[in-house]
Amino acid sequence: MVNSLGWTYREPFFRSVSRNYRIWLFLGGPGRTAVPGWELPYLAGHTVVDTGSAGMMLAAARRLIADGETVAGILCYDEARLVASATVARALGLPTSDPEAFARCRDKAATRAALAEAGVPQTACVAVGFLAEAEAAPRGSTRNSS
C-alpha cells in the first residue's frame, strides 16, 4: 500500500483486507507523513520512503522481497503517487495500469491532446503556468503549452 491518506475512508479497507492479507505500507516523501498512526493495528510492517519516487520505492520493494516478503500487488489511492506506484508494479511484474496513461490523466493538456488525437472533439483551451500567460492567451485558443 502506498500512503494511506485519511482514516475516514481508508480504515474500513485496512480493517477488511488485513483479516486475510498482510499489508505493508510505504509512506513518506514531500507533503506526506512518514509516521504511521491509525494504520498500525492493520500492518505487517511499514517502510519510510519517498513515495513520489518510483526508483526509491522499487529499491525498497526489492529489499522486502530479498528479506522474504511476498509482494502480490500494489495499491495506491494517492493521485500524486499513481505514476510512481504503477511504475513499480510494472517493474515487479504485477498487474497495473499503464504509468503513461496515469500521467496523461493527471496532465490535463496531455489528456486533451490524447483525446484530440483519437478524434474526440475538445473545447478551446490553453495550458498555462502563470496568470500572465492566461491573460495574454488569445480568446478561443487551443494551443497547448506548459
N, C-alpha and C. Protein backbone atom coordinates (compact mmCIF):
# COMPACT_ATOMS: atom_id res chain seq x y z
N MET A 1 0.85 -1.17 0.00
CA MET A 1 0.00 0.00 0.00
C MET A 1 0.90 1.23 0.00
N VAL A 2 0.61 2.18 -0.88
CA VAL A 2 1.38 3.42 -0.95
C VAL A 2 0.55 4.54 -0.34
N ASN A 3 1.01 5.08 0.77
CA ASN A 3 0.33 6.15 1.51
C ASN A 3 -1.13 5.79 1.78
N SER A 4 -1.52 5.89 3.01
CA SER A 4 -2.88 5.51 3.38
C SER A 4 -3.87 6.66 3.29
N LEU A 5 -3.37 7.87 3.40
CA LEU A 5 -4.20 9.07 3.44
C LEU A 5 -5.13 9.00 4.65
N GLY A 6 -6.34 9.49 4.55
CA GLY A 6 -7.18 9.68 5.73
C GLY A 6 -7.86 8.46 6.30
N TRP A 7 -8.01 8.45 7.60
CA TRP A 7 -8.64 7.37 8.33
C TRP A 7 -10.09 7.17 7.90
N THR A 8 -10.83 8.23 7.72
CA THR A 8 -12.27 8.15 7.45
C THR A 8 -12.59 7.20 6.31
N TYR A 9 -11.87 7.30 5.21
CA TYR A 9 -12.18 6.50 4.04
C TYR A 9 -11.33 5.24 3.91
N ARG A 10 -10.20 5.19 4.56
CA ARG A 10 -9.28 4.06 4.37
C ARG A 10 -9.33 3.02 5.48
N GLU A 11 -9.75 3.39 6.68
CA GLU A 11 -9.76 2.44 7.79
C GLU A 11 -10.62 1.22 7.49
N PRO A 12 -11.83 1.37 6.93
CA PRO A 12 -12.61 0.16 6.62
C PRO A 12 -11.89 -0.79 5.65
N PHE A 13 -11.18 -0.22 4.68
CA PHE A 13 -10.40 -1.03 3.76
C PHE A 13 -9.30 -1.79 4.50
N PHE A 14 -8.53 -1.08 5.31
CA PHE A 14 -7.44 -1.70 6.06
C PHE A 14 -7.99 -2.80 6.97
N ARG A 15 -9.07 -2.52 7.67
CA ARG A 15 -9.65 -3.50 8.59
C ARG A 15 -10.07 -4.76 7.83
N SER A 16 -10.76 -4.58 6.71
CA SER A 16 -11.25 -5.71 5.92
C SER A 16 -10.11 -6.52 5.31
N VAL A 17 -9.20 -5.87 4.65
CA VAL A 17 -8.12 -6.56 3.94
C VAL A 17 -7.17 -7.25 4.91
N SER A 18 -6.89 -6.62 6.04
CA SER A 18 -5.90 -7.18 6.97
C SER A 18 -6.37 -8.49 7.60
N ARG A 19 -7.63 -8.80 7.49
CA ARG A 19 -8.13 -10.08 8.01
C ARG A 19 -7.58 -11.27 7.22
N ASN A 20 -7.30 -11.04 5.94
CA ASN A 20 -6.87 -12.14 5.07
C ASN A 20 -5.51 -11.94 4.40
N TYR A 21 -5.00 -10.72 4.46
CA TYR A 21 -3.74 -10.42 3.78
C TYR A 21 -2.84 -9.59 4.67
N ARG A 22 -1.54 -9.73 4.42
CA ARG A 22 -0.55 -8.89 5.11
C ARG A 22 -0.44 -7.57 4.35
N ILE A 23 -0.55 -6.47 5.05
CA ILE A 23 -0.42 -5.15 4.43
C ILE A 23 0.91 -4.54 4.85
N TRP A 24 1.66 -4.15 3.86
CA TRP A 24 2.92 -3.43 4.11
C TRP A 24 2.73 -2.03 3.55
N LEU A 25 2.95 -1.03 4.36
CA LEU A 25 2.70 0.35 3.98
C LEU A 25 3.99 1.07 3.65
N PHE A 26 4.04 1.68 2.46
CA PHE A 26 5.10 2.61 2.10
C PHE A 26 4.53 4.00 2.38
N LEU A 27 5.26 4.80 3.15
CA LEU A 27 4.80 6.14 3.42
C LEU A 27 5.97 7.09 3.53
N GLY A 28 5.69 8.35 3.22
CA GLY A 28 6.72 9.38 3.29
C GLY A 28 6.88 10.09 1.97
N GLY A 29 7.81 11.01 1.95
CA GLY A 29 8.06 11.84 0.79
C GLY A 29 7.49 13.23 1.00
N PRO A 30 7.83 14.15 0.12
CA PRO A 30 7.37 15.53 0.26
C PRO A 30 5.85 15.62 0.39
N GLY A 31 5.42 16.30 1.44
CA GLY A 31 3.99 16.52 1.65
C GLY A 31 3.24 15.34 2.23
N ARG A 32 3.94 14.27 2.59
CA ARG A 32 3.27 13.08 3.12
C ARG A 32 3.89 12.72 4.46
N THR A 33 3.07 12.16 5.34
CA THR A 33 3.56 11.76 6.64
C THR A 33 4.54 10.59 6.51
N ALA A 34 5.49 10.54 7.41
CA ALA A 34 6.45 9.43 7.45
C ALA A 34 6.26 8.60 8.72
N VAL A 35 5.16 8.85 9.42
CA VAL A 35 4.91 8.16 10.68
C VAL A 35 3.53 7.51 10.63
N PRO A 36 3.47 6.18 10.68
CA PRO A 36 2.15 5.55 10.69
C PRO A 36 1.44 5.83 12.01
N GLY A 37 0.15 5.91 11.95
CA GLY A 37 -0.64 6.16 13.16
C GLY A 37 -1.77 5.16 13.26
N TRP A 38 -2.95 5.56 12.82
CA TRP A 38 -4.13 4.72 12.92
C TRP A 38 -3.96 3.39 12.17
N GLU A 39 -3.04 3.34 11.20
CA GLU A 39 -2.84 2.14 10.38
C GLU A 39 -2.16 1.00 11.13
N LEU A 40 -1.41 1.32 12.16
CA LEU A 40 -0.54 0.33 12.83
C LEU A 40 -1.21 -1.00 13.17
N PRO A 41 -2.43 -1.02 13.73
CA PRO A 41 -3.02 -2.33 14.06
C PRO A 41 -3.25 -3.24 12.85
N TYR A 42 -3.25 -2.67 11.66
CA TYR A 42 -3.55 -3.44 10.45
C TYR A 42 -2.32 -3.82 9.64
N LEU A 43 -1.15 -3.36 10.05
CA LEU A 43 0.05 -3.53 9.24
C LEU A 43 0.90 -4.71 9.65
N ALA A 44 1.47 -5.37 8.64
CA ALA A 44 2.52 -6.35 8.88
C ALA A 44 3.84 -5.60 9.05
N GLY A 45 3.92 -4.38 8.49
CA GLY A 45 5.11 -3.56 8.61
C GLY A 45 4.96 -2.31 7.76
N HIS A 46 5.96 -1.46 7.83
CA HIS A 46 5.94 -0.26 7.02
C HIS A 46 7.38 0.15 6.68
N THR A 47 7.50 0.90 5.60
CA THR A 47 8.78 1.42 5.16
C THR A 47 8.63 2.91 4.89
N VAL A 48 9.52 3.70 5.46
CA VAL A 48 9.54 5.12 5.17
C VAL A 48 10.41 5.31 3.93
N VAL A 49 9.82 5.87 2.89
CA VAL A 49 10.48 6.02 1.61
C VAL A 49 9.83 7.20 0.89
N ASP A 50 10.52 7.81 -0.03
CA ASP A 50 9.91 8.87 -0.82
C ASP A 50 8.93 8.22 -1.79
N THR A 51 7.64 8.29 -1.46
CA THR A 51 6.62 7.63 -2.27
C THR A 51 6.35 8.34 -3.59
N GLY A 52 7.00 9.47 -3.81
CA GLY A 52 6.92 10.12 -5.11
C GLY A 52 7.98 9.64 -6.07
N SER A 53 8.88 8.80 -5.58
CA SER A 53 9.99 8.31 -6.39
C SER A 53 9.83 6.82 -6.70
N ALA A 54 9.57 6.51 -7.96
CA ALA A 54 9.44 5.11 -8.35
C ALA A 54 10.73 4.34 -8.05
N GLY A 55 11.87 4.96 -8.31
CA GLY A 55 13.15 4.29 -8.08
C GLY A 55 13.37 3.94 -6.62
N MET A 56 13.04 4.86 -5.74
CA MET A 56 13.23 4.60 -4.31
C MET A 56 12.24 3.54 -3.81
N MET A 57 10.99 3.62 -4.28
CA MET A 57 10.02 2.60 -3.87
C MET A 57 10.38 1.23 -4.44
N LEU A 58 10.87 1.18 -5.67
CA LEU A 58 11.26 -0.09 -6.25
C LEU A 58 12.41 -0.71 -5.47
N ALA A 59 13.39 0.09 -5.10
CA ALA A 59 14.51 -0.43 -4.30
C ALA A 59 14.00 -0.95 -2.96
N ALA A 60 13.06 -0.23 -2.33
CA ALA A 60 12.51 -0.68 -1.04
C ALA A 60 11.72 -1.97 -1.21
N ALA A 61 10.95 -2.08 -2.28
CA ALA A 61 10.18 -3.30 -2.53
C ALA A 61 11.12 -4.49 -2.78
N ARG A 62 12.17 -4.26 -3.53
CA ARG A 62 13.13 -5.34 -3.79
C ARG A 62 13.83 -5.79 -2.50
N ARG A 63 14.08 -4.84 -1.58
CA ARG A 63 14.65 -5.23 -0.28
C ARG A 63 13.67 -6.10 0.50
N LEU A 64 12.39 -5.75 0.46
CA LEU A 64 11.37 -6.56 1.14
C LEU A 64 11.34 -7.98 0.56
N ILE A 65 11.37 -8.07 -0.75
CA ILE A 65 11.35 -9.37 -1.41
C ILE A 65 12.60 -10.17 -1.04
N ALA A 66 13.75 -9.52 -1.02
CA ALA A 66 15.01 -10.19 -0.64
C ALA A 66 14.95 -10.68 0.81
N ASP A 67 14.18 -9.97 1.63
CA ASP A 67 14.03 -10.36 3.04
C ASP A 67 12.94 -11.40 3.25
N GLY A 68 12.34 -11.90 2.16
CA GLY A 68 11.36 -12.97 2.27
C GLY A 68 9.90 -12.55 2.23
N GLU A 69 9.63 -11.27 2.08
CA GLU A 69 8.24 -10.82 1.97
C GLU A 69 7.73 -11.12 0.56
N THR A 70 6.46 -11.42 0.45
CA THR A 70 5.81 -11.61 -0.85
C THR A 70 5.09 -10.32 -1.20
N VAL A 71 5.36 -9.80 -2.37
CA VAL A 71 4.65 -8.62 -2.85
C VAL A 71 3.72 -9.11 -3.96
N ALA A 72 2.42 -9.18 -3.62
CA ALA A 72 1.43 -9.71 -4.56
C ALA A 72 0.72 -8.61 -5.33
N GLY A 73 0.85 -7.38 -4.87
CA GLY A 73 0.18 -6.28 -5.54
C GLY A 73 0.55 -4.96 -4.89
N ILE A 74 0.25 -3.90 -5.60
CA ILE A 74 0.48 -2.55 -5.08
C ILE A 74 -0.82 -1.78 -5.25
N LEU A 75 -1.25 -1.15 -4.17
CA LEU A 75 -2.47 -0.37 -4.18
C LEU A 75 -2.13 1.06 -3.80
N CYS A 76 -2.66 2.01 -4.55
CA CYS A 76 -2.38 3.41 -4.28
C CYS A 76 -3.64 4.23 -4.49
N TYR A 77 -4.09 4.91 -3.44
CA TYR A 77 -5.22 5.84 -3.54
C TYR A 77 -4.74 7.27 -3.74
N ASP A 78 -3.47 7.51 -3.62
CA ASP A 78 -2.89 8.85 -3.63
C ASP A 78 -2.61 9.27 -5.07
N GLU A 79 -3.45 10.14 -5.63
CA GLU A 79 -3.34 10.50 -7.03
C GLU A 79 -1.94 10.97 -7.42
N ALA A 80 -1.31 11.71 -6.55
CA ALA A 80 0.03 12.23 -6.86
C ALA A 80 1.08 11.12 -6.90
N ARG A 81 0.76 9.95 -6.41
CA ARG A 81 1.71 8.83 -6.38
C ARG A 81 1.34 7.71 -7.36
N LEU A 82 0.30 7.89 -8.16
CA LEU A 82 -0.16 6.84 -9.06
C LEU A 82 0.89 6.44 -10.10
N VAL A 83 1.53 7.42 -10.72
CA VAL A 83 2.51 7.11 -11.76
C VAL A 83 3.68 6.32 -11.16
N ALA A 84 4.20 6.79 -10.04
CA ALA A 84 5.31 6.07 -9.40
C ALA A 84 4.89 4.67 -8.98
N SER A 85 3.70 4.53 -8.42
CA SER A 85 3.23 3.21 -7.97
C SER A 85 3.04 2.25 -9.14
N ALA A 86 2.46 2.73 -10.23
CA ALA A 86 2.28 1.88 -11.41
C ALA A 86 3.62 1.49 -12.02
N THR A 87 4.59 2.40 -11.98
CA THR A 87 5.93 2.11 -12.50
C THR A 87 6.58 0.99 -11.68
N VAL A 88 6.42 1.04 -10.37
CA VAL A 88 6.96 -0.02 -9.50
C VAL A 88 6.25 -1.34 -9.78
N ALA A 89 4.94 -1.31 -9.86
CA ALA A 89 4.19 -2.54 -10.13
C ALA A 89 4.64 -3.16 -11.45
N ARG A 90 4.79 -2.34 -12.48
CA ARG A 90 5.23 -2.85 -13.78
C ARG A 90 6.62 -3.48 -13.67
N ALA A 91 7.53 -2.82 -12.96
CA ALA A 91 8.90 -3.33 -12.82
C ALA A 91 8.93 -4.66 -12.07
N LEU A 92 7.96 -4.87 -11.18
CA LEU A 92 7.90 -6.12 -10.42
C LEU A 92 7.04 -7.18 -11.10
N GLY A 93 6.49 -6.85 -12.26
CA GLY A 93 5.65 -7.81 -12.99
C GLY A 93 4.28 -7.99 -12.39
N LEU A 94 3.80 -6.99 -11.67
CA LEU A 94 2.49 -7.06 -11.02
C LEU A 94 1.43 -6.40 -11.90
N PRO A 95 0.17 -6.80 -11.74
CA PRO A 95 -0.90 -6.17 -12.52
C PRO A 95 -0.96 -4.67 -12.23
N THR A 96 -1.13 -3.88 -13.28
CA THR A 96 -1.22 -2.43 -13.12
C THR A 96 -1.77 -1.81 -14.39
N SER A 97 -2.17 -0.58 -14.28
CA SER A 97 -2.49 0.21 -15.45
C SER A 97 -1.20 0.84 -15.96
N ASP A 98 -1.23 1.30 -17.18
CA ASP A 98 -0.07 1.89 -17.83
C ASP A 98 0.34 3.19 -17.11
N PRO A 99 1.58 3.27 -16.60
CA PRO A 99 2.01 4.50 -15.93
C PRO A 99 1.86 5.74 -16.81
N GLU A 100 2.11 5.59 -18.12
CA GLU A 100 1.98 6.72 -19.02
C GLU A 100 0.52 7.17 -19.12
N ALA A 101 -0.42 6.24 -19.04
CA ALA A 101 -1.84 6.60 -19.06
C ALA A 101 -2.20 7.39 -17.81
N PHE A 102 -1.68 6.95 -16.66
CA PHE A 102 -1.91 7.73 -15.43
C PHE A 102 -1.34 9.14 -15.57
N ALA A 103 -0.15 9.24 -16.15
CA ALA A 103 0.48 10.55 -16.32
C ALA A 103 -0.37 11.44 -17.23
N ARG A 104 -0.89 10.87 -18.32
CA ARG A 104 -1.74 11.66 -19.22
C ARG A 104 -3.03 12.10 -18.51
N CYS A 105 -3.59 11.23 -17.69
CA CYS A 105 -4.81 11.59 -16.97
C CYS A 105 -4.57 12.71 -15.97
N ARG A 106 -3.41 12.75 -15.37
CA ARG A 106 -3.10 13.78 -14.37
C ARG A 106 -2.72 15.11 -15.04
N ASP A 107 -2.26 15.08 -16.28
CA ASP A 107 -1.86 16.28 -17.02
C ASP A 107 -2.99 16.63 -17.98
N LYS A 108 -3.76 17.65 -17.65
CA LYS A 108 -4.95 17.96 -18.44
C LYS A 108 -4.63 18.32 -19.88
N ALA A 109 -3.51 19.00 -20.13
CA ALA A 109 -3.12 19.31 -21.51
C ALA A 109 -2.81 18.03 -22.27
N ALA A 110 -2.12 17.08 -21.63
CA ALA A 110 -1.81 15.80 -22.28
C ALA A 110 -3.08 15.00 -22.52
N THR A 111 -4.03 15.07 -21.58
CA THR A 111 -5.31 14.39 -21.76
C THR A 111 -6.02 14.94 -22.99
N ARG A 112 -6.09 16.26 -23.08
CA ARG A 112 -6.76 16.88 -24.24
C ARG A 112 -6.06 16.50 -25.54
N ALA A 113 -4.75 16.50 -25.56
CA ALA A 113 -4.01 16.14 -26.77
C ALA A 113 -4.28 14.70 -27.17
N ALA A 114 -4.29 13.79 -26.20
CA ALA A 114 -4.55 12.38 -26.49
C ALA A 114 -5.98 12.19 -27.01
N LEU A 115 -6.93 12.88 -26.40
CA LEU A 115 -8.32 12.78 -26.86
C LEU A 115 -8.49 13.36 -28.25
N ALA A 116 -7.86 14.51 -28.50
CA ALA A 116 -7.94 15.12 -29.83
C ALA A 116 -7.33 14.20 -30.88
N GLU A 117 -6.19 13.59 -30.55
CA GLU A 117 -5.53 12.65 -31.48
C GLU A 117 -6.43 11.46 -31.79
N ALA A 118 -7.26 11.08 -30.82
CA ALA A 118 -8.18 9.96 -31.01
C ALA A 118 -9.48 10.40 -31.69
N GLY A 119 -9.57 11.70 -32.03
CA GLY A 119 -10.74 12.19 -32.74
C GLY A 119 -11.88 12.67 -31.85
N VAL A 120 -11.62 12.82 -30.58
CA VAL A 120 -12.64 13.31 -29.66
C VAL A 120 -12.57 14.84 -29.65
N PRO A 121 -13.66 15.51 -30.03
CA PRO A 121 -13.64 16.98 -30.06
C PRO A 121 -13.30 17.57 -28.69
N GLN A 122 -12.54 18.66 -28.71
CA GLN A 122 -12.13 19.34 -27.48
C GLN A 122 -12.61 20.78 -27.48
N THR A 123 -12.96 21.27 -26.32
CA THR A 123 -13.29 22.68 -26.20
C THR A 123 -12.00 23.49 -26.27
N ALA A 124 -12.15 24.76 -26.57
CA ALA A 124 -10.97 25.63 -26.65
C ALA A 124 -10.30 25.73 -25.28
N CYS A 125 -8.97 25.65 -25.27
CA CYS A 125 -8.24 25.74 -24.01
C CYS A 125 -6.81 26.16 -24.27
N VAL A 126 -6.18 26.65 -23.24
CA VAL A 126 -4.76 27.00 -23.29
C VAL A 126 -4.15 26.55 -21.97
N ALA A 127 -3.12 25.74 -22.03
CA ALA A 127 -2.41 25.34 -20.82
C ALA A 127 -1.40 26.42 -20.49
N VAL A 128 -1.46 26.94 -19.28
CA VAL A 128 -0.55 27.99 -18.85
C VAL A 128 0.03 27.66 -17.49
N GLY A 129 1.14 28.29 -17.18
CA GLY A 129 1.76 28.08 -15.88
C GLY A 129 1.65 29.28 -14.97
N PHE A 130 1.32 30.44 -15.54
CA PHE A 130 1.27 31.67 -14.77
C PHE A 130 0.07 32.50 -15.19
N LEU A 131 -0.42 33.33 -14.31
CA LEU A 131 -1.56 34.20 -14.58
C LEU A 131 -1.31 35.07 -15.80
N ALA A 132 -0.11 35.61 -15.93
CA ALA A 132 0.21 36.49 -17.07
C ALA A 132 0.02 35.74 -18.39
N GLU A 133 0.37 34.46 -18.44
CA GLU A 133 0.17 33.68 -19.66
C GLU A 133 -1.32 33.53 -19.97
N ALA A 134 -2.11 33.32 -18.95
CA ALA A 134 -3.55 33.20 -19.14
C ALA A 134 -4.14 34.50 -19.67
N GLU A 135 -3.69 35.61 -19.12
CA GLU A 135 -4.20 36.92 -19.55
C GLU A 135 -3.77 37.23 -20.98
N ALA A 136 -2.61 36.75 -21.41
CA ALA A 136 -2.08 37.02 -22.75
C ALA A 136 -2.62 36.06 -23.81
N ALA A 137 -3.23 34.97 -23.39
CA ALA A 137 -3.70 33.95 -24.34
C ALA A 137 -4.85 34.51 -25.18
N PRO A 138 -4.82 34.25 -26.49
CA PRO A 138 -5.91 34.73 -27.33
C PRO A 138 -7.21 33.98 -27.00
N ARG A 139 -8.30 34.67 -27.06
CA ARG A 139 -9.61 34.03 -26.82
C ARG A 139 -9.85 33.00 -27.90
N GLY A 140 -10.39 31.84 -27.48
CA GLY A 140 -10.70 30.78 -28.44
C GLY A 140 -9.49 29.95 -28.81
N SER A 141 -8.37 30.16 -28.18
CA SER A 141 -7.14 29.45 -28.49
C SER A 141 -7.25 27.99 -28.10
N THR A 142 -6.58 27.14 -28.85
CA THR A 142 -6.49 25.72 -28.49
C THR A 142 -5.05 25.25 -28.46
N ARG A 143 -4.12 26.18 -28.34
CA ARG A 143 -2.73 25.77 -28.28
C ARG A 143 -2.43 25.11 -26.93
N ASN A 144 -1.55 24.17 -26.93
CA ASN A 144 -1.15 23.52 -25.69
C ASN A 144 0.29 23.86 -25.42
N SER A 145 0.55 24.56 -24.31
CA SER A 145 1.91 24.85 -23.89
C SER A 145 1.96 24.74 -22.39
N SER A 146 3.12 24.40 -21.85
CA SER A 146 3.23 24.27 -20.40
C SER A 146 4.32 25.17 -19.90
